[in-house]
Amino acid sequence: MSLMTDGEKKKPKRKRRSFTEEFKAGAVSLVLDKGKTVADVARDLDLTPSALSQWVERARANSGRSSRGTLTNDERAELARLRKENRELRVQRDILKKAAAFFAKENA
């Protein structure tokens, strides 16, 4: 059931865009170095404030100035590597469990 009347229209969803690292760095620089607000820079560059806020927070984390405990790029990469390793170890463990059960049943 729609809560909108016939005269109201939904805004079309914005197509997902990608930005170069240089563009992101420039936008973050406007906030951190020039002292502009996230809202102003986002409006000027036609960005969503939430995306720019994430870029700014990551830049702060990478420079050690984050107060939120956001992970740095290195920490994020290490976390991804550890999660992958953890998945692989679980698969190996499961294989060894099945093999042990197989041989225990065969030798019984």
Protein backbone atom coordinates (compact mmCIF):
# COMPACT_ATOMS: atom_id res chain seq x y z
CA MET A 1 0.00 0.00 0.00
CA SER A 2 1.53 3.30 -1.08
CA LEU A 3 1.53 6.32 1.20
CA MET A 4 2.16 8.73 -1.68
CA THR A 5 -0.62 10.54 -3.46
CA ASP A 6 -1.00 10.65 -7.23
CA GLY A 7 0.65 14.08 -7.43
CA GLU A 8 3.80 12.94 -5.64
CA LYS A 9 6.55 11.18 -7.56
CA LYS A 10 9.55 9.28 -6.25
CA LYS A 11 12.94 10.66 -7.11
CA PRO A 12 14.65 8.27 -9.49
CA LYS A 13 17.56 6.40 -7.94
CA ARG A 14 20.94 7.81 -8.76
CA LYS A 15 23.10 5.53 -10.87
CA ARG A 16 26.08 4.19 -8.94
CA ARG A 17 29.19 6.09 -9.90
CA SER A 18 32.85 5.41 -9.30
CA PHE A 19 35.51 8.00 -8.58
CA THR A 20 39.27 8.03 -8.97
CA GLU A 21 41.49 8.10 -5.92
CA GLU A 22 42.70 11.55 -7.01
CA PHE A 23 39.15 12.90 -7.06
CA LYS A 24 38.45 11.44 -3.62
CA ALA A 25 41.69 12.89 -2.25
CA GLY A 26 40.80 16.31 -3.64
CA ALA A 27 37.34 16.23 -2.11
CA VAL A 28 38.72 15.10 1.25
CA SER A 29 41.35 17.84 1.08
CA LEU A 30 38.65 20.47 0.70
CA VAL A 31 37.11 19.26 3.96
CA LEU A 32 40.24 18.60 6.01
CA ASP A 33 42.66 21.22 4.70
CA LYS A 34 40.40 24.05 3.53
CA GLY A 35 37.95 23.77 6.42
CA LYS A 36 34.83 23.48 4.27
CA THR A 37 31.91 21.45 5.54
CA VAL A 38 31.10 18.02 4.20
CA ALA A 39 27.66 19.25 3.11
CA ASP A 40 29.10 22.18 1.15
CA VAL A 41 31.73 20.13 -0.63
CA ALA A 42 29.24 17.35 -1.38
CA ARG A 43 26.82 19.84 -2.87
CA ASP A 44 29.53 21.58 -4.92
CA LEU A 45 30.87 18.28 -6.32
CA ASP A 46 27.45 16.61 -6.74
CA LEU A 47 28.22 13.89 -4.20
CA THR A 48 26.16 12.36 -1.46
CA PRO A 49 27.21 13.67 1.95
CA SER A 50 27.37 10.12 3.31
CA ALA A 51 29.90 9.02 0.67
CA LEU A 52 32.10 12.05 1.28
CA SER A 53 31.85 11.54 5.04
CA GLN A 54 33.13 7.98 4.63
CA TRP A 55 36.05 9.20 2.52
CA VAL A 56 36.90 11.84 5.12
CA GLU A 57 36.70 9.34 7.99
CA ARG A 58 38.97 6.87 6.16
CA ALA A 59 41.48 9.64 5.49
CA ARG A 60 41.43 10.58 9.17
CA ALA A 61 41.92 6.94 10.16
CA ASN A 62 44.85 6.52 7.77
CA SER A 63 46.51 9.61 9.21
CA GLY A 64 45.86 8.50 12.80
CA ARG A 65 43.40 11.30 13.54
CA SER A 66 40.17 9.29 13.72
CA SER A 67 38.24 9.41 16.96
CA ARG A 68 35.80 6.69 15.88
CA GLY A 69 38.19 3.77 15.80
CA THR A 70 37.87 3.41 12.04
CA LEU A 71 40.24 0.88 10.52
CA THR A 72 43.15 2.10 8.43
CA ASN A 73 43.68 0.74 4.93
CA ASP A 74 46.43 -1.55 6.24
CA GLU A 75 44.20 -2.85 9.03
CA ARG A 76 41.34 -3.39 6.58
CA ALA A 77 43.65 -5.38 4.27
CA GLU A 78 44.96 -7.45 7.17
CA LEU A 79 41.42 -8.17 8.34
CA ALA A 80 40.44 -9.36 4.86
CA ARG A 81 43.54 -11.58 4.72
CA LEU A 82 42.82 -13.05 8.15
CA ARG A 83 39.18 -13.72 7.28
CA LYS A 84 40.26 -15.54 4.12
CA GLU A 85 42.82 -17.56 6.07
CA ASN A 86 40.17 -18.39 8.66
CA ARG A 87 37.80 -19.68 5.95
CA GLU A 88 40.56 -21.85 4.47
CA LEU A 89 41.48 -23.28 7.88
CA ARG A 90 37.85 -24.16 8.59
CA VAL A 91 37.63 -26.02 5.27
CA GLN A 92 40.84 -27.91 6.08
CA ARG A 93 39.56 -28.74 9.57
CA ASP A 94 36.29 -30.07 8.18
CA ILE A 95 38.17 -32.23 5.66
CA LEU A 96 40.38 -33.64 8.42
CA LYS A 97 37.34 -34.38 10.60
CA LYS A 98 35.69 -36.30 7.79
CA ALA A 99 38.90 -38.18 7.02
CA ALA A 100 39.37 -39.12 10.68
CA ALA A 101 35.78 -40.33 10.90
CA PHE A 102 36.21 -42.32 7.68
CA PHE A 103 39.39 -44.07 8.85
CA ALA A 104 38.01 -44.68 12.34
CA LYS A 105 34.94 -46.36 10.83
CA GLU A 106 37.07 -48.35 8.39
CA ASN A 107 39.40 -49.64 11.10
CA ALA A 108 36.60 -50.56 13.51
